[in-house]
């Protein structure tokens, strides 16, 4: 539906009318209206538009390590695709 309404749009960002800090990426990037969520919006657009993944040295329990253009499930620096 959004693609039909806005065929020239590169990305959709949905702002959620909630003051709680946060957001999410996926088919659509989302961010709350929290004053600090501008950075969240940029981050989530990276997931939605660029298919970028998060990398954590010490991931939280729910985190699933994935292979993406910018993320590597391997932890040995010598085996990273972009080690150079």
PDB file of N, CA and C in Angstrom:
ATOM      1  N   UNK A   1       0.813  -1.192   0.000  1.00  0.00           N
ATOM      2  CA  UNK A   1       0.000   0.000   0.000  1.00  0.00           C
ATOM      3  C   UNK A   1       0.862   1.263   0.000  1.00  0.00           C
ATOM      4  N   UNK A   2       1.900   1.290   0.825  1.00  0.00           N
ATOM      5  CA  UNK A   2       2.760   2.468   0.877  1.00  0.00           C
ATOM      6  C   UNK A   2       3.462   2.666  -0.457  1.00  0.00           C
ATOM      7  N   UNK A   3       3.912   1.574  -1.072  1.00  0.00           N
ATOM      8  CA  UNK A   3       4.591   1.674  -2.368  1.00  0.00           C
ATOM      9  C   UNK A   3       3.668   2.253  -3.429  1.00  0.00           C
ATOM     10  N   UNK A   4       2.380   1.953  -3.348  1.00  0.00           N
ATOM     11  CA  UNK A   4       1.429   2.504  -4.309  1.00  0.00           C
ATOM     12  C   UNK A   4       1.188   3.994  -4.052  1.00  0.00           C
ATOM     13  N   UNK A   5       1.157   4.377  -2.772  1.00  0.00           N
ATOM     14  CA  UNK A   5       0.910   5.778  -2.418  1.00  0.00           C
ATOM     15  C   UNK A   5       2.128   6.664  -2.649  1.00  0.00           C
ATOM     16  N   UNK A   6       3.310   6.103  -2.406  1.00  0.00           N
ATOM     17  CA  UNK A   6       4.559   6.866  -2.528  1.00  0.00           C
ATOM     18  C   UNK A   6       5.587   6.083  -3.348  1.00  0.00           C
ATOM     19  N   UNK A   7       5.360   5.931  -4.657  1.00  0.00           N
ATOM     20  CA  UNK A   7       6.265   5.111  -5.468  1.00  0.00           C
ATOM     21  C   UNK A   7       7.679   5.667  -5.558  1.00  0.00           C
ATOM     22  N   UNK A   8       7.866   6.937  -5.271  1.00  0.00           N
ATOM     23  CA  UNK A   8       9.199   7.536  -5.354  1.00  0.00           C
ATOM     24  C   UNK A   8       9.973   7.451  -4.036  1.00  0.00           C
ATOM     25  N   UNK A   9       9.375   6.889  -2.995  1.00  0.00           N
ATOM     26  CA  UNK A   9      10.031   6.801  -1.689  1.00  0.00           C
ATOM     27  C   UNK A   9      11.110   5.725  -1.700  1.00  0.00           C
ATOM     28  N   UNK A  10      12.248   6.030  -1.103  1.00  0.00           N
ATOM     29  CA  UNK A  10      13.326   5.057  -0.967  1.00  0.00           C
ATOM     30  C   UNK A  10      13.181   4.217   0.298  1.00  0.00           C
ATOM     31  N   UNK A  11      12.636   4.816   1.344  1.00  0.00           N
ATOM     32  CA  UNK A  11      12.513   4.126   2.627  1.00  0.00           C
ATOM     33  C   UNK A  11      11.294   4.675   3.365  1.00  0.00           C
ATOM     34  N   UNK A  12      10.686   3.827   4.169  1.00  0.00           N
ATOM     35  CA  UNK A  12       9.562   4.239   4.997  1.00  0.00           C
ATOM     36  C   UNK A  12      10.019   4.204   6.443  1.00  0.00           C
ATOM     37  N   UNK A  13       9.805   5.282   7.164  1.00  0.00           N
ATOM     38  CA  UNK A  13      10.072   5.351   8.599  1.00  0.00           C
ATOM     39  C   UNK A  13       8.748   5.609   9.290  1.00  0.00           C
ATOM     40  N   UNK A  14       8.364   4.704  10.163  1.00  0.00           N
ATOM     41  CA  UNK A  14       7.118   4.854  10.910  1.00  0.00           C
ATOM     42  C   UNK A  14       7.457   5.363  12.295  1.00  0.00           C
ATOM     43  N   UNK A  15       6.913   6.531  12.646  1.00  0.00           N
ATOM     44  CA  UNK A  15       7.102   7.076  13.985  1.00  0.00           C
ATOM     45  C   UNK A  15       5.959   6.608  14.867  1.00  0.00           C
ATOM     46  N   UNK A  16       6.323   6.062  16.010  1.00  0.00           N
ATOM     47  CA  UNK A  16       5.345   5.533  16.953  1.00  0.00           C
ATOM     48  C   UNK A  16       5.126   6.580  18.043  1.00  0.00           C
ATOM     49  N   UNK A  17       3.884   6.938  18.250  1.00  0.00           N
ATOM     50  CA  UNK A  17       3.553   7.969  19.233  1.00  0.00           C
ATOM     51  C   UNK A  17       3.639   7.390  20.644  1.00  0.00           C
ATOM     52  N   UNK A  18       4.879   7.192  21.082  1.00  0.00           N
ATOM     53  CA  UNK A  18       5.164   6.628  22.398  1.00  0.00           C
ATOM     54  C   UNK A  18       6.466   7.266  22.887  1.00  0.00           C
ATOM     55  N   UNK A  19       6.501   7.757  24.104  1.00  0.00           N
ATOM     56  CA  UNK A  19       7.710   8.407  24.592  1.00  0.00           C
ATOM     57  C   UNK A  19       8.823   7.442  25.002  1.00  0.00           C
ATOM     58  N   UNK A  20       8.559   6.142  24.994  1.00  0.00           N
ATOM     59  CA  UNK A  20       9.573   5.165  25.384  1.00  0.00           C
ATOM     60  C   UNK A  20      10.619   5.055  24.277  1.00  0.00           C
ATOM     61  N   UNK A  21      11.899   5.172  24.651  1.00  0.00           N
ATOM     62  CA  UNK A  21      13.018   5.096  23.719  1.00  0.00           C
ATOM     63  C   UNK A  21      13.042   3.746  23.013  1.00  0.00           C
ATOM     64  N   UNK A  22      13.140   3.739  21.683  1.00  0.00           N
ATOM     65  CA  UNK A  22      13.290   2.488  20.968  1.00  0.00           C
ATOM     66  C   UNK A  22      12.844   2.551  19.532  1.00  0.00           C
ATOM     67  N   UNK A  23      12.972   1.411  18.868  1.00  0.00           N
ATOM     68  CA  UNK A  23      12.590   1.300  17.474  1.00  0.00           C
ATOM     69  C   UNK A  23      12.884  -0.086  16.968  1.00  0.00           C
ATOM     70  N   UNK A  24      12.747  -0.274  15.675  1.00  0.00           N
ATOM     71  CA  UNK A  24      13.008  -1.578  15.082  1.00  0.00           C
ATOM     72  C   UNK A  24      13.216  -1.458  13.583  1.00  0.00           C
ATOM     73  N   UNK A  25      13.898  -2.425  13.029  1.00  0.00           N
ATOM     74  CA  UNK A  25      14.121  -2.467  11.588  1.00  0.00           C
ATOM     75  C   UNK A  25      13.452  -3.689  11.007  1.00  0.00           C
ATOM     76  N   UNK A  26      13.340  -3.732   9.720  1.00  0.00           N
ATOM     77  CA  UNK A  26      12.684  -4.848   9.033  1.00  0.00           C
ATOM     78  C   UNK A  26      12.108  -4.331   7.740  1.00  0.00           C
ATOM     79  N   UNK A  27      10.920  -4.765   7.394  1.00  0.00           N
ATOM     80  CA  UNK A  27      10.294  -4.257   6.174  1.00  0.00           C
ATOM     81  C   UNK A  27      10.146  -2.737   6.258  1.00  0.00           C
ATOM     82  N   UNK A  28       9.781  -2.245   7.438  1.00  0.00           N
ATOM     83  CA  UNK A  28       9.687  -0.805   7.676  1.00  0.00           C
ATOM     84  C   UNK A  28      10.525  -0.454   8.897  1.00  0.00           C
ATOM     85  N   UNK A  29      11.223   0.655   8.838  1.00  0.00           N
ATOM     86  CA  UNK A  29      11.953   1.146  10.005  1.00  0.00           C
ATOM     87  C   UNK A  29      10.966   1.854  10.921  1.00  0.00           C
ATOM     88  N   UNK A  30      11.121   1.643  12.218  1.00  0.00           N
ATOM     89  CA  UNK A  30      10.256   2.307  13.194  1.00  0.00           C
ATOM     90  C   UNK A  30      11.104   2.959  14.262  1.00  0.00           C
ATOM     91  N   UNK A  31      10.584   4.024  14.847  1.00  0.00           N
ATOM     92  CA  UNK A  31      11.230   4.694  15.971  1.00  0.00           C
ATOM     93  C   UNK A  31      10.155   5.393  16.786  1.00  0.00           C
ATOM     94  N   UNK A  32      10.410   5.503  18.075  1.00  0.00           N
ATOM     95  CA  UNK A  32       9.461   6.202  18.936  1.00  0.00           C
ATOM     96  C   UNK A  32       9.703   7.705  18.831  1.00  0.00           C
ATOM     97  N   UNK A  33       8.837   8.481  19.466  1.00  0.00           N
ATOM     98  CA  UNK A  33       8.985   9.938  19.443  1.00  0.00           C
ATOM     99  C   UNK A  33       9.832  10.440  20.609  1.00  0.00           C
ATOM    100  N   UNK A  34      10.513   9.540  21.295  1.00  0.00           N
ATOM    101  CA  UNK A  34      11.433   9.928  22.354  1.00  0.00           C
ATOM    102  C   UNK A  34      12.462  10.906  21.783  1.00  0.00           C
ATOM    103  N   UNK A  35      12.856  11.897  22.568  1.00  0.00           N
ATOM    104  CA  UNK A  35      13.798  12.913  22.085  1.00  0.00           C
ATOM    105  C   UNK A  35      15.119  12.320  21.610  1.00  0.00           C
ATOM    106  N   UNK A  36      15.513  11.177  22.146  1.00  0.00           N
ATOM    107  CA  UNK A  36      16.778  10.559  21.762  1.00  0.00           C
ATOM    108  C   UNK A  36      16.634   9.559  20.614  1.00  0.00           C
ATOM    109  N   UNK A  37      15.445   9.402  20.086  1.00  0.00           N
ATOM    110  CA  UNK A  37      15.209   8.377  19.065  1.00  0.00           C
ATOM    111  C   UNK A  37      15.612   8.787  17.659  1.00  0.00           C
ATOM    112  N   UNK A  38      16.134   9.975  17.478  1.00  0.00           N
ATOM    113  CA  UNK A  38      16.644  10.341  16.144  1.00  0.00           C
ATOM    114  C   UNK A  38      17.758   9.376  15.732  1.00  0.00           C
ATOM    115  N   UNK A  39      18.661   9.091  16.679  1.00  0.00           N
ATOM    116  CA  UNK A  39      19.736   8.142  16.400  1.00  0.00           C
ATOM    117  C   UNK A  39      19.181   6.732  16.189  1.00  0.00           C
ATOM    118  N   UNK A  40      18.120   6.391  16.912  1.00  0.00           N
ATOM    119  CA  UNK A  40      17.475   5.093  16.726  1.00  0.00           C
ATOM    120  C   UNK A  40      16.926   5.008  15.302  1.00  0.00           C
ATOM    121  N   UNK A  41      16.293   6.071  14.836  1.00  0.00           N
ATOM    122  CA  UNK A  41      15.738   6.083  13.477  1.00  0.00           C
ATOM    123  C   UNK A  41      16.840   5.839  12.450  1.00  0.00           C
ATOM    124  N   UNK A  42      17.965   6.533  12.585  1.00  0.00           N
ATOM    125  CA  UNK A  42      19.083   6.330  11.660  1.00  0.00           C
ATOM    126  C   UNK A  42      19.559   4.878  11.697  1.00  0.00           C
ATOM    127  N   UNK A  43      19.690   4.341  12.893  1.00  0.00           N
ATOM    128  CA  UNK A  43      20.154   2.964  13.077  1.00  0.00           C
ATOM    129  C   UNK A  43      19.192   1.966  12.432  1.00  0.00           C
ATOM    130  N   UNK A  44      17.903   2.146  12.674  1.00  0.00           N
ATOM    131  CA  UNK A  44      16.910   1.211  12.146  1.00  0.00           C
ATOM    132  C   UNK A  44      16.769   1.328  10.627  1.00  0.00           C
ATOM    133  N   UNK A  45      16.958   2.520  10.083  1.00  0.00           N
ATOM    134  CA  UNK A  45      16.971   2.680   8.625  1.00  0.00           C
ATOM    135  C   UNK A  45      18.118   1.871   8.024  1.00  0.00           C
ATOM    136  N   UNK A  46      19.242   1.808   8.728  1.00  0.00           N
ATOM    137  CA  UNK A  46      20.360   0.970   8.266  1.00  0.00           C
ATOM    138  C   UNK A  46      19.955  -0.485   8.129  1.00  0.00           C
ATOM    139  N   UNK A  47      19.136  -0.971   9.069  1.00  0.00           N
ATOM    140  CA  UNK A  47      18.639  -2.347   8.975  1.00  0.00           C
ATOM    141  C   UNK A  47      17.664  -2.494   7.804  1.00  0.00           C
ATOM    142  N   UNK A  48      16.706  -1.581   7.714  1.00  0.00           N
ATOM    143  CA  UNK A  48      15.635  -1.704   6.723  1.00  0.00           C
ATOM    144  C   UNK A  48      16.091  -1.407   5.301  1.00  0.00           C
ATOM    145  N   UNK A  49      16.851  -0.354   5.124  1.00  0.00           N
ATOM    146  CA  UNK A  49      17.242   0.077   3.786  1.00  0.00           C
ATOM    147  C   UNK A  49      18.508  -0.631   3.314  1.00  0.00           C
ATOM    148  N   UNK A  50      19.468  -0.783   4.219  1.00  0.00           N
ATOM    149  CA  UNK A  50      20.752  -1.346   3.819  1.00  0.00           C
ATOM    150  C   UNK A  50      20.958  -2.793   4.186  1.00  0.00           C
ATOM    151  N   UNK A  51      19.966  -3.415   4.825  1.00  0.00           N
ATOM    152  CA  UNK A  51      20.082  -4.806   5.291  1.00  0.00           C
ATOM    153  C   UNK A  51      21.316  -5.010   6.161  1.00  0.00           C
ATOM    154  N   UNK A  52      21.663  -3.980   6.930  1.00  0.00           N
ATOM    155  CA  UNK A  52      22.812  -4.075   7.822  1.00  0.00           C
ATOM    156  C   UNK A  52      22.416  -4.809   9.094  1.00  0.00           C
ATOM    157  N   UNK A  53      23.368  -5.484   9.690  1.00  0.00           N
ATOM    158  CA  UNK A  53      23.110  -6.251  10.909  1.00  0.00           C
ATOM    159  C   UNK A  53      23.860  -5.622  12.076  1.00  0.00           C
ATOM    160  N   UNK A  54      23.431  -5.957  13.283  1.00  0.00           N
ATOM    161  CA  UNK A  54      24.137  -5.541  14.489  1.00  0.00           C
ATOM    162  C   UNK A  54      25.234  -6.551  14.785  1.00  0.00           C
ATOM    163  N   UNK A  55      26.311  -6.070  15.372  1.00  0.00           N
ATOM    164  CA  UNK A  55      27.362  -6.944  15.883  1.00  0.00           C
ATOM    165  C   UNK A  55      27.622  -6.542  17.328  1.00  0.00           C
ATOM    166  N   UNK A  56      27.697  -7.525  18.189  1.00  0.00           N
ATOM    167  CA  UNK A  56      27.973  -7.279  19.597  1.00  0.00           C
ATOM    168  C   UNK A  56      29.093  -8.209  20.040  1.00  0.00           C
ATOM    169  N   UNK A  57      30.051  -7.674  20.801  1.00  0.00           N
ATOM    170  CA  UNK A  57      31.086  -8.543  21.349  1.00  0.00           C
ATOM    171  C   UNK A  57      30.503  -9.433  22.434  1.00  0.00           C
ATOM    172  N   UNK A  58      29.625  -8.870  23.255  1.00  0.00           N
ATOM    173  CA  UNK A  58      28.948  -9.616  24.315  1.00  0.00           C
ATOM    174  C   UNK A  58      27.450  -9.501  24.086  1.00  0.00           C
ATOM    175  N   UNK A  59      26.881 -10.322  23.178  1.00  0.00           N
ATOM    176  CA  UNK A  59      25.469 -10.178  22.841  1.00  0.00           C
ATOM    177  C   UNK A  59      24.543 -10.494  24.007  1.00  0.00           C
ATOM    178  N   UNK A  60      23.418  -9.822  23.991  1.00  0.00           N
ATOM    179  CA  UNK A  60      22.391 -10.106  24.982  1.00  0.00           C
ATOM    180  C   UNK A  60      21.749 -11.450  24.630  1.00  0.00           C
ATOM    181  N   UNK A  61      21.062 -12.094  25.576  1.00  0.00           N
ATOM    182  CA  UNK A  61      20.566 -13.470  25.346  1.00  0.00           C
ATOM    183  C   UNK A  61      19.685 -13.662  24.114  1.00  0.00           C
ATOM    184  N   UNK A  62      18.888 -12.668  23.725  1.00  0.00           N
ATOM    185  CA  UNK A  62      17.986 -12.828  22.590  1.00  0.00           C
ATOM    186  C   UNK A  62      18.664 -12.605  21.244  1.00  0.00           C
ATOM    187  N   UNK A  63      19.894 -12.119  21.256  1.00  0.00           N
ATOM    188  CA  UNK A  63      20.577 -11.768  20.012  1.00  0.00           C
ATOM    189  C   UNK A  63      20.956 -13.020  19.227  1.00  0.00           C
ATOM    190  N   UNK A  64      20.668 -13.005  17.931  1.00  0.00           N
ATOM    191  CA  UNK A  64      21.039 -14.102  17.043  1.00  0.00           C
ATOM    192  C   UNK A  64      22.094 -13.559  16.084  1.00  0.00           C
ATOM    193  N   UNK A  65      23.288 -14.122  16.123  1.00  0.00           N
ATOM    194  CA  UNK A  65      24.369 -13.673  15.252  1.00  0.00           C
ATOM    195  C   UNK A  65      24.061 -14.082  13.823  1.00  0.00           C
ATOM    196  N   UNK A  66      24.198 -13.164  12.884  1.00  0.00           N
ATOM    197  CA  UNK A  66      23.893 -13.437  11.482  1.00  0.00           C
ATOM    198  C   UNK A  66      25.056 -13.036  10.594  1.00  0.00           C
ATOM    199  N   UNK A  67      25.071 -13.569   9.409  1.00  0.00           N
ATOM    200  CA  UNK A  67      26.026 -13.162   8.391  1.00  0.00           C
ATOM    201  C   UNK A  67      25.335 -12.168   7.474  1.00  0.00           C
ATOM    202  N   UNK A  68      25.881 -11.000   7.364  1.00  0.00           N
ATOM    203  CA  UNK A  68      25.375  -9.968   6.462  1.00  0.00           C
ATOM    204  C   UNK A  68      26.577  -9.277   5.828  1.00  0.00           C
ATOM    205  N   UNK A  69      26.317  -8.342   4.971  1.00  0.00           N
ATOM    206  CA  UNK A  69      27.408  -7.634   4.291  1.00  0.00           C
ATOM    207  C   UNK A  69      28.336  -6.948   5.283  1.00  0.00           C
ATOM    208  N   UNK A  70      27.809  -6.481   6.390  1.00  0.00           N
ATOM    209  CA  UNK A  70      28.624  -5.756   7.352  1.00  0.00           C
ATOM    210  C   UNK A  70      28.837  -6.525   8.653  1.00  0.00           C
ATOM    211  N   UNK A  71      28.350  -7.741   8.768  1.00  0.00           N
ATOM    212  CA  UNK A  71      28.467  -8.491  10.019  1.00  0.00           C
ATOM    213  C   UNK A  71      28.949  -9.903   9.731  1.00  0.00           C
ATOM    214  N   UNK A  72      29.735 -10.406  10.639  1.00  0.00           N
ATOM    215  CA  UNK A  72      30.311 -11.722  10.475  1.00  0.00           C
ATOM    216  C   UNK A  72      30.104 -12.503  11.756  1.00  0.00           C
ATOM    217  N   UNK A  73      29.600 -13.715  11.656  1.00  0.00           N
ATOM    218  CA  UNK A  73      29.357 -14.542  12.834  1.00  0.00           C
ATOM    219  C   UNK A  73      30.669 -15.068  13.426  1.00  0.00           C
ATOM    220  N   UNK A  74      31.744 -14.996  12.664  1.00  0.00           N
ATOM    221  CA  UNK A  74      33.036 -15.460  13.161  1.00  0.00           C
ATOM    222  C   UNK A  74      33.617 -14.447  14.138  1.00  0.00           C
ATOM    223  N   UNK A  75      34.344 -14.922  15.120  1.00  0.00           N
ATOM    224  CA  UNK A  75      34.920 -14.003  16.108  1.00  0.00           C
ATOM    225  C   UNK A  75      36.431 -13.883  15.994  1.00  0.00           C
ATOM    226  N   UNK A  76      37.053 -14.707  15.186  1.00  0.00           N
ATOM    227  CA  UNK A  76      38.491 -14.625  14.983  1.00  0.00           C
ATOM    228  C   UNK A  76      38.776 -13.531  13.956  1.00  0.00           C
ATOM    229  N   UNK A  77      39.452 -12.486  14.377  1.00  0.00           N
ATOM    230  CA  UNK A  77      39.712 -11.347  13.482  1.00  0.00           C
ATOM    231  C   UNK A  77      40.462 -11.732  12.213  1.00  0.00           C
ATOM    232  N   UNK A  78      41.280 -12.742  12.264  1.00  0.00           N
ATOM    233  CA  UNK A  78      42.047 -13.173  11.082  1.00  0.00           C
ATOM    234  C   UNK A  78      41.163 -13.809  10.013  1.00  0.00           C
ATOM    235  N   UNK A  79      39.964 -14.243  10.361  1.00  0.00           N
ATOM    236  CA  UNK A  79      39.079 -14.880   9.385  1.00  0.00           C
ATOM    237  C   UNK A  79      37.984 -13.944   8.890  1.00  0.00           C
ATOM    238  N   UNK A  80      37.969 -12.703   9.330  1.00  0.00           N
ATOM    239  CA  UNK A  80      36.951 -11.756   8.899  1.00  0.00           C
ATOM    240  C   UNK A  80      37.156 -11.376   7.442  1.00  0.00           C
ATOM    241  N   UNK A  81      36.072 -11.233   6.715  1.00  0.00           N
ATOM    242  CA  UNK A  81      36.163 -10.880   5.290  1.00  0.00           C
ATOM    243  C   UNK A  81      36.811  -9.518   5.084  1.00  0.00           C
ATOM    244  N   UNK A  82      36.624  -8.607   6.001  1.00  0.00           N
ATOM    245  CA  UNK A  82      37.139  -7.245   5.839  1.00  0.00           C
ATOM    246  C   UNK A  82      38.322  -6.950   6.763  1.00  0.00           C
ATOM    247  N   UNK A  83      39.094  -7.976   7.116  1.00  0.00           N
ATOM    248  CA  UNK A  83      40.210  -7.800   8.042  1.00  0.00           C
ATOM    249  C   UNK A  83      41.248  -6.801   7.532  1.00  0.00           C
ATOM    250  N   UNK A  84      41.340  -6.612   6.233  1.00  0.00           N
ATOM    251  CA  UNK A  84      42.329  -5.669   5.694  1.00  0.00           C
ATOM    252  C   UNK A  84      41.975  -4.261   6.062  1.00  0.00           C
TER     253      UNK A  84
END
